[in-house]
């Protein structure tokens, strides 16, 4: 696994389409790494996006620093896909909702700059 420079990943990402409306917000790059990847903290400071060593996870920011909780979240990258350097490169996000994991075809994690360019054309 290689070290990823935070500058290679988008500094601000936005989640849209999550079933949990509170997840749909802007996430900003933190000044630290988790498992050699950058992580992001939501504007609300409730959620975060991080790499658990195998996949990208969206979960509670408080769990990020709890021992043994780094692999827990409410959304995650599909395990069949290769480990991507940046979370905005993930295209499939299963979400824990209604008591089960299901692929959320509406969930998208965009680089904030690209999101606004794509939606204003």
N, C-alpha and C. Protein backbone atom coordinates (compact mmCIF):
# COMPACT_ATOMS: atom_id res chain seq x y z
N UNK A 1 0.85 -1.18 0.00
CA UNK A 1 0.00 0.00 0.00
C UNK A 1 0.89 1.24 0.00
N UNK A 2 0.55 2.16 -0.80
CA UNK A 2 1.37 3.35 -0.93
C UNK A 2 0.81 4.51 -0.12
N UNK A 3 1.70 5.41 0.20
CA UNK A 3 1.33 6.64 0.89
C UNK A 3 0.71 7.58 -0.12
N UNK A 4 -0.38 8.21 0.21
CA UNK A 4 -1.07 9.13 -0.70
C UNK A 4 -0.93 10.54 -0.17
N UNK A 5 -0.37 11.39 -0.98
CA UNK A 5 -0.27 12.80 -0.61
C UNK A 5 -1.67 13.39 -0.53
N UNK A 6 -2.02 14.06 0.56
CA UNK A 6 -3.34 14.67 0.64
C UNK A 6 -3.64 15.62 -0.51
N UNK A 7 -2.60 16.23 -1.07
CA UNK A 7 -2.83 17.17 -2.18
C UNK A 7 -3.34 16.47 -3.44
N UNK A 8 -3.18 15.14 -3.51
CA UNK A 8 -3.68 14.39 -4.67
C UNK A 8 -5.18 14.17 -4.59
N UNK A 9 -5.75 14.33 -3.43
CA UNK A 9 -7.19 14.17 -3.25
C UNK A 9 -7.85 15.54 -3.16
N UNK A 10 -9.10 15.57 -3.54
CA UNK A 10 -9.86 16.80 -3.49
C UNK A 10 -9.91 17.33 -2.06
N UNK A 11 -9.70 18.61 -1.83
CA UNK A 11 -9.71 19.14 -0.47
C UNK A 11 -11.10 19.23 0.16
N UNK A 12 -12.13 19.30 -0.68
CA UNK A 12 -13.50 19.38 -0.18
C UNK A 12 -14.36 18.44 -1.02
N UNK A 13 -15.08 17.56 -0.35
CA UNK A 13 -15.98 16.63 -1.04
C UNK A 13 -17.40 16.82 -0.50
N UNK A 14 -18.37 16.40 -1.28
CA UNK A 14 -19.77 16.53 -0.86
C UNK A 14 -20.49 15.22 -1.15
N UNK A 15 -21.21 14.74 -0.14
CA UNK A 15 -22.04 13.56 -0.30
C UNK A 15 -23.46 13.99 -0.60
N UNK A 16 -24.06 13.38 -1.62
CA UNK A 16 -25.46 13.60 -1.97
C UNK A 16 -26.12 12.24 -2.17
N UNK A 17 -27.41 12.16 -1.92
CA UNK A 17 -28.17 10.96 -2.21
C UNK A 17 -28.21 9.90 -1.13
N UNK A 18 -27.60 10.15 0.02
CA UNK A 18 -27.66 9.18 1.12
C UNK A 18 -29.08 9.14 1.67
N UNK A 19 -29.52 7.96 2.10
CA UNK A 19 -30.85 7.84 2.70
C UNK A 19 -30.94 8.65 3.99
N UNK A 20 -29.86 8.66 4.76
CA UNK A 20 -29.81 9.48 5.98
C UNK A 20 -29.48 10.90 5.55
N UNK A 21 -30.43 11.77 5.59
CA UNK A 21 -30.25 13.14 5.11
C UNK A 21 -29.11 13.86 5.82
N UNK A 22 -28.84 13.51 7.07
CA UNK A 22 -27.78 14.20 7.81
C UNK A 22 -26.39 13.89 7.26
N UNK A 23 -26.24 12.81 6.50
CA UNK A 23 -24.95 12.49 5.87
C UNK A 23 -24.66 13.38 4.67
N UNK A 24 -25.70 13.91 4.05
CA UNK A 24 -25.57 14.70 2.83
C UNK A 24 -25.08 16.09 3.16
N UNK A 25 -23.76 16.22 3.19
CA UNK A 25 -23.17 17.51 3.50
C UNK A 25 -21.75 17.57 2.95
N UNK A 26 -21.09 18.68 3.23
CA UNK A 26 -19.72 18.93 2.78
C UNK A 26 -18.75 18.35 3.81
N UNK A 27 -17.67 17.74 3.29
CA UNK A 27 -16.61 17.15 4.12
C UNK A 27 -15.28 17.78 3.71
N UNK A 28 -14.52 18.24 4.70
CA UNK A 28 -13.25 18.91 4.41
C UNK A 28 -12.07 18.05 4.83
N UNK A 29 -11.02 18.12 4.04
CA UNK A 29 -9.80 17.37 4.27
C UNK A 29 -9.20 17.73 5.62
N UNK A 30 -8.86 16.71 6.41
CA UNK A 30 -8.21 16.93 7.71
C UNK A 30 -6.70 17.04 7.50
N UNK A 31 -6.00 17.51 8.48
CA UNK A 31 -4.55 17.67 8.40
C UNK A 31 -3.82 16.45 8.94
N UNK A 32 -4.33 15.27 8.62
CA UNK A 32 -3.74 14.04 9.14
C UNK A 32 -4.10 12.91 8.18
N UNK A 33 -3.52 11.74 8.40
CA UNK A 33 -3.81 10.57 7.59
C UNK A 33 -4.31 9.44 8.49
N UNK A 34 -5.11 8.56 7.91
CA UNK A 34 -5.54 7.33 8.56
C UNK A 34 -5.20 6.21 7.58
N UNK A 35 -4.39 5.27 8.00
CA UNK A 35 -3.96 4.17 7.12
C UNK A 35 -3.38 4.68 5.80
N UNK A 36 -2.53 5.68 5.90
CA UNK A 36 -1.82 6.26 4.76
C UNK A 36 -2.73 6.92 3.72
N UNK A 37 -3.91 7.29 4.12
CA UNK A 37 -4.84 7.99 3.24
C UNK A 37 -5.37 9.23 3.99
N UNK A 38 -5.75 10.26 3.24
CA UNK A 38 -6.35 11.42 3.89
C UNK A 38 -7.72 11.05 4.45
N UNK A 39 -8.18 11.79 5.42
CA UNK A 39 -9.57 11.62 5.86
C UNK A 39 -10.24 12.98 5.89
N UNK A 40 -11.56 12.94 5.95
CA UNK A 40 -12.37 14.15 5.84
C UNK A 40 -13.33 14.24 7.02
N UNK A 41 -13.59 15.46 7.44
CA UNK A 41 -14.52 15.71 8.54
C UNK A 41 -15.69 16.54 8.00
N UNK A 42 -16.91 16.12 8.34
CA UNK A 42 -18.11 16.83 7.89
C UNK A 42 -18.19 18.20 8.56
N UNK A 43 -18.85 19.11 7.87
CA UNK A 43 -19.07 20.45 8.44
C UNK A 43 -19.73 20.37 9.81
N UNK A 44 -20.63 19.42 9.98
CA UNK A 44 -21.34 19.27 11.25
C UNK A 44 -20.46 18.70 12.35
N UNK A 45 -19.31 18.15 11.97
CA UNK A 45 -18.37 17.47 12.89
C UNK A 45 -18.97 16.19 13.46
N UNK A 46 -20.08 15.71 12.89
CA UNK A 46 -20.69 14.46 13.34
C UNK A 46 -20.14 13.28 12.54
N UNK A 47 -19.93 13.46 11.25
CA UNK A 47 -19.50 12.37 10.38
C UNK A 47 -18.11 12.62 9.84
N UNK A 48 -17.51 11.55 9.33
CA UNK A 48 -16.19 11.63 8.69
C UNK A 48 -16.11 10.56 7.60
N UNK A 49 -15.14 10.72 6.74
CA UNK A 49 -14.85 9.76 5.68
C UNK A 49 -13.40 9.35 5.86
N UNK A 50 -13.12 8.04 5.96
CA UNK A 50 -11.76 7.58 6.17
C UNK A 50 -11.53 6.23 5.51
N UNK A 51 -10.26 5.85 5.43
CA UNK A 51 -9.84 4.58 4.84
C UNK A 51 -9.48 3.63 5.97
N UNK A 52 -10.09 2.44 6.00
CA UNK A 52 -9.85 1.51 7.11
C UNK A 52 -8.70 0.53 6.85
N UNK A 53 -8.03 0.69 5.73
CA UNK A 53 -6.95 -0.21 5.35
C UNK A 53 -7.33 -1.08 4.18
N UNK A 54 -8.65 -1.23 3.93
CA UNK A 54 -9.16 -2.03 2.82
C UNK A 54 -10.17 -1.27 1.97
N UNK A 55 -10.92 -0.38 2.61
CA UNK A 55 -12.01 0.30 1.91
C UNK A 55 -12.27 1.66 2.55
N UNK A 56 -12.96 2.52 1.80
CA UNK A 56 -13.39 3.82 2.31
C UNK A 56 -14.68 3.64 3.09
N UNK A 57 -14.79 4.37 4.19
CA UNK A 57 -15.94 4.29 5.09
C UNK A 57 -16.46 5.69 5.38
N UNK A 58 -17.76 5.81 5.47
CA UNK A 58 -18.40 7.03 5.97
C UNK A 58 -19.07 6.64 7.27
N UNK A 59 -18.70 7.30 8.34
CA UNK A 59 -19.24 6.95 9.64
C UNK A 59 -19.16 8.10 10.61
N UNK A 60 -19.37 7.78 11.87
CA UNK A 60 -19.35 8.81 12.90
C UNK A 60 -17.92 9.22 13.20
N UNK A 61 -17.67 10.52 13.19
CA UNK A 61 -16.34 11.06 13.47
C UNK A 61 -15.83 10.57 14.81
N UNK A 62 -16.70 10.43 15.79
CA UNK A 62 -16.29 9.98 17.12
C UNK A 62 -15.70 8.57 17.09
N UNK A 63 -16.14 7.73 16.14
CA UNK A 63 -15.62 6.36 16.06
C UNK A 63 -14.25 6.28 15.42
N UNK A 64 -13.87 7.29 14.71
CA UNK A 64 -12.59 7.28 14.01
C UNK A 64 -11.43 7.07 14.97
N UNK A 65 -11.53 7.61 16.14
CA UNK A 65 -10.42 7.52 17.10
C UNK A 65 -10.69 6.53 18.23
N UNK A 66 -11.80 5.80 18.16
CA UNK A 66 -12.08 4.77 19.16
C UNK A 66 -11.38 3.48 18.77
N UNK A 67 -10.72 2.87 19.71
CA UNK A 67 -10.00 1.63 19.45
C UNK A 67 -10.96 0.55 18.94
N UNK A 68 -10.64 -0.05 17.81
CA UNK A 68 -11.45 -1.12 17.26
C UNK A 68 -12.67 -0.68 16.47
N UNK A 69 -12.94 0.60 16.37
CA UNK A 69 -14.14 1.08 15.68
C UNK A 69 -13.84 1.62 14.28
N UNK A 70 -12.60 1.57 13.85
CA UNK A 70 -12.23 2.17 12.57
C UNK A 70 -12.88 1.46 11.38
N UNK A 71 -13.32 0.22 11.55
CA UNK A 71 -13.95 -0.50 10.44
C UNK A 71 -15.47 -0.39 10.47
N UNK A 72 -16.04 0.40 11.38
CA UNK A 72 -17.48 0.58 11.49
C UNK A 72 -17.91 1.84 10.75
N UNK A 73 -19.08 1.81 10.14
CA UNK A 73 -19.59 3.00 9.50
C UNK A 73 -21.01 2.75 9.04
N UNK A 74 -21.61 3.75 8.41
CA UNK A 74 -22.97 3.62 7.88
C UNK A 74 -22.98 3.52 6.36
N UNK A 75 -21.82 3.78 5.74
CA UNK A 75 -21.65 3.58 4.30
C UNK A 75 -20.21 3.12 4.10
N UNK A 76 -19.98 2.34 3.02
CA UNK A 76 -18.61 1.91 2.74
C UNK A 76 -18.43 1.58 1.27
N UNK A 77 -17.19 1.58 0.86
CA UNK A 77 -16.84 1.19 -0.50
C UNK A 77 -17.07 -0.31 -0.65
N UNK A 78 -17.51 -0.75 -1.81
CA UNK A 78 -17.70 -2.18 -2.07
C UNK A 78 -16.34 -2.88 -2.00
N UNK A 79 -16.27 -3.98 -1.26
CA UNK A 79 -15.01 -4.67 -1.06
C UNK A 79 -14.45 -5.31 -2.32
N UNK A 80 -15.28 -5.60 -3.31
CA UNK A 80 -14.80 -6.23 -4.54
C UNK A 80 -13.95 -5.28 -5.39
N UNK A 81 -14.04 -4.00 -5.11
CA UNK A 81 -13.31 -3.01 -5.89
C UNK A 81 -11.91 -2.84 -5.28
N UNK A 82 -10.99 -2.36 -6.10
CA UNK A 82 -9.65 -2.11 -5.59
C UNK A 82 -9.67 -0.93 -4.63
N UNK A 83 -8.69 -0.91 -3.75
CA UNK A 83 -8.56 0.20 -2.81
C UNK A 83 -8.19 1.45 -3.60
N UNK A 84 -9.06 2.43 -3.62
CA UNK A 84 -8.83 3.66 -4.36
C UNK A 84 -8.13 4.68 -3.47
N UNK A 85 -7.33 5.53 -4.09
CA UNK A 85 -6.56 6.51 -3.32
C UNK A 85 -7.42 7.55 -2.63
N UNK A 86 -8.49 7.98 -3.29
CA UNK A 86 -9.31 9.07 -2.77
C UNK A 86 -10.78 8.65 -2.74
N UNK A 87 -11.54 9.07 -1.74
CA UNK A 87 -12.94 8.65 -1.64
C UNK A 87 -13.83 9.16 -2.76
N UNK A 88 -13.46 10.26 -3.38
CA UNK A 88 -14.28 10.79 -4.48
C UNK A 88 -14.17 9.92 -5.73
N UNK A 89 -13.26 8.94 -5.73
CA UNK A 89 -13.13 8.01 -6.86
C UNK A 89 -14.05 6.79 -6.71
N UNK A 90 -14.63 6.61 -5.53
CA UNK A 90 -15.53 5.47 -5.28
C UNK A 90 -16.86 5.74 -5.99
N UNK A 91 -17.38 4.74 -6.69
CA UNK A 91 -18.62 4.92 -7.44
C UNK A 91 -19.79 4.14 -6.86
N UNK A 92 -19.53 3.17 -5.99
CA UNK A 92 -20.60 2.35 -5.41
C UNK A 92 -20.52 2.45 -3.88
N UNK A 93 -21.61 2.90 -3.27
CA UNK A 93 -21.67 3.09 -1.81
C UNK A 93 -22.82 2.30 -1.19
N UNK A 94 -22.59 1.10 -0.67
CA UNK A 94 -23.63 0.45 0.13
C UNK A 94 -23.88 1.27 1.40
N UNK A 95 -25.13 1.29 1.84
CA UNK A 95 -25.50 2.09 3.02
C UNK A 95 -26.31 1.22 3.99
N UNK A 96 -25.99 1.35 5.27
CA UNK A 96 -26.76 0.68 6.32
C UNK A 96 -27.99 1.54 6.59
N UNK A 97 -29.14 1.01 6.20
CA UNK A 97 -30.37 1.78 6.36
C UNK A 97 -31.52 0.81 6.46
N UNK A 98 -32.42 1.03 7.38
CA UNK A 98 -33.57 0.15 7.56
C UNK A 98 -33.17 -1.23 8.06
N UNK A 99 -32.06 -1.30 8.80
CA UNK A 99 -31.62 -2.55 9.41
C UNK A 99 -30.88 -3.50 8.49
N UNK A 100 -30.42 -3.00 7.32
CA UNK A 100 -29.66 -3.88 6.42
C UNK A 100 -28.76 -3.05 5.51
N UNK A 101 -27.75 -3.73 4.94
CA UNK A 101 -26.86 -3.11 3.96
C UNK A 101 -27.47 -3.25 2.58
N UNK A 102 -27.55 -2.14 1.86
CA UNK A 102 -28.02 -2.16 0.47
C UNK A 102 -27.23 -1.14 -0.33
N UNK A 103 -26.94 -1.50 -1.57
CA UNK A 103 -26.27 -0.56 -2.45
C UNK A 103 -27.19 0.62 -2.70
N UNK A 104 -26.69 1.81 -2.46
CA UNK A 104 -27.47 3.03 -2.69
C UNK A 104 -27.03 3.62 -4.03
N UNK A 105 -27.84 3.40 -5.06
CA UNK A 105 -27.46 3.86 -6.39
C UNK A 105 -27.52 5.39 -6.53
N UNK A 106 -28.16 6.05 -5.58
CA UNK A 106 -28.26 7.51 -5.61
C UNK A 106 -27.13 8.21 -4.88
N UNK A 107 -26.39 7.48 -4.05
CA UNK A 107 -25.33 8.09 -3.26
C UNK A 107 -24.11 8.38 -4.13
N UNK A 108 -23.65 9.60 -4.09
CA UNK A 108 -22.47 10.04 -4.84
C UNK A 108 -21.62 10.92 -3.93
N UNK A 109 -20.33 10.70 -4.00
CA UNK A 109 -19.38 11.53 -3.26
C UNK A 109 -18.57 12.29 -4.31
N UNK A 110 -18.80 13.58 -4.41
CA UNK A 110 -18.19 14.42 -5.43
C UNK A 110 -17.09 15.28 -4.87
N UNK A 111 -16.10 15.55 -5.72
CA UNK A 111 -15.18 16.64 -5.42
C UNK A 111 -16.03 17.91 -5.51
N UNK A 112 -16.02 18.73 -4.52
CA UNK A 112 -16.89 19.91 -4.46
C UNK A 112 -16.80 20.76 -5.72
N UNK A 113 -15.62 20.98 -6.26
CA UNK A 113 -15.43 21.80 -7.45
C UNK A 113 -16.10 21.13 -8.64
N UNK A 114 -15.85 19.83 -8.83
CA UNK A 114 -16.45 19.10 -9.95
C UNK A 114 -17.97 19.04 -9.84
N UNK A 115 -18.50 18.90 -8.64
CA UNK A 115 -19.94 18.81 -8.43
C UNK A 115 -20.64 20.06 -8.95
N UNK A 116 -20.11 21.21 -8.60
CA UNK A 116 -20.75 22.45 -9.02
C UNK A 116 -20.57 22.69 -10.52
N UNK A 117 -19.45 22.27 -11.10
CA UNK A 117 -19.25 22.40 -12.54
C UNK A 117 -20.23 21.50 -13.29
N UNK A 118 -20.41 20.26 -12.84
CA UNK A 118 -21.29 19.31 -13.50
C UNK A 118 -22.77 19.71 -13.40
N UNK A 119 -23.15 20.38 -12.33
CA UNK A 119 -24.55 20.70 -12.10
C UNK A 119 -24.94 22.11 -12.49
N UNK A 120 -24.04 22.84 -13.13
CA UNK A 120 -24.37 24.19 -13.58
C UNK A 120 -24.30 24.32 -15.09
N UNK A 121 -23.91 23.23 -15.76
CA UNK A 121 -23.83 23.27 -17.23
C UNK A 121 -25.16 23.15 -17.89
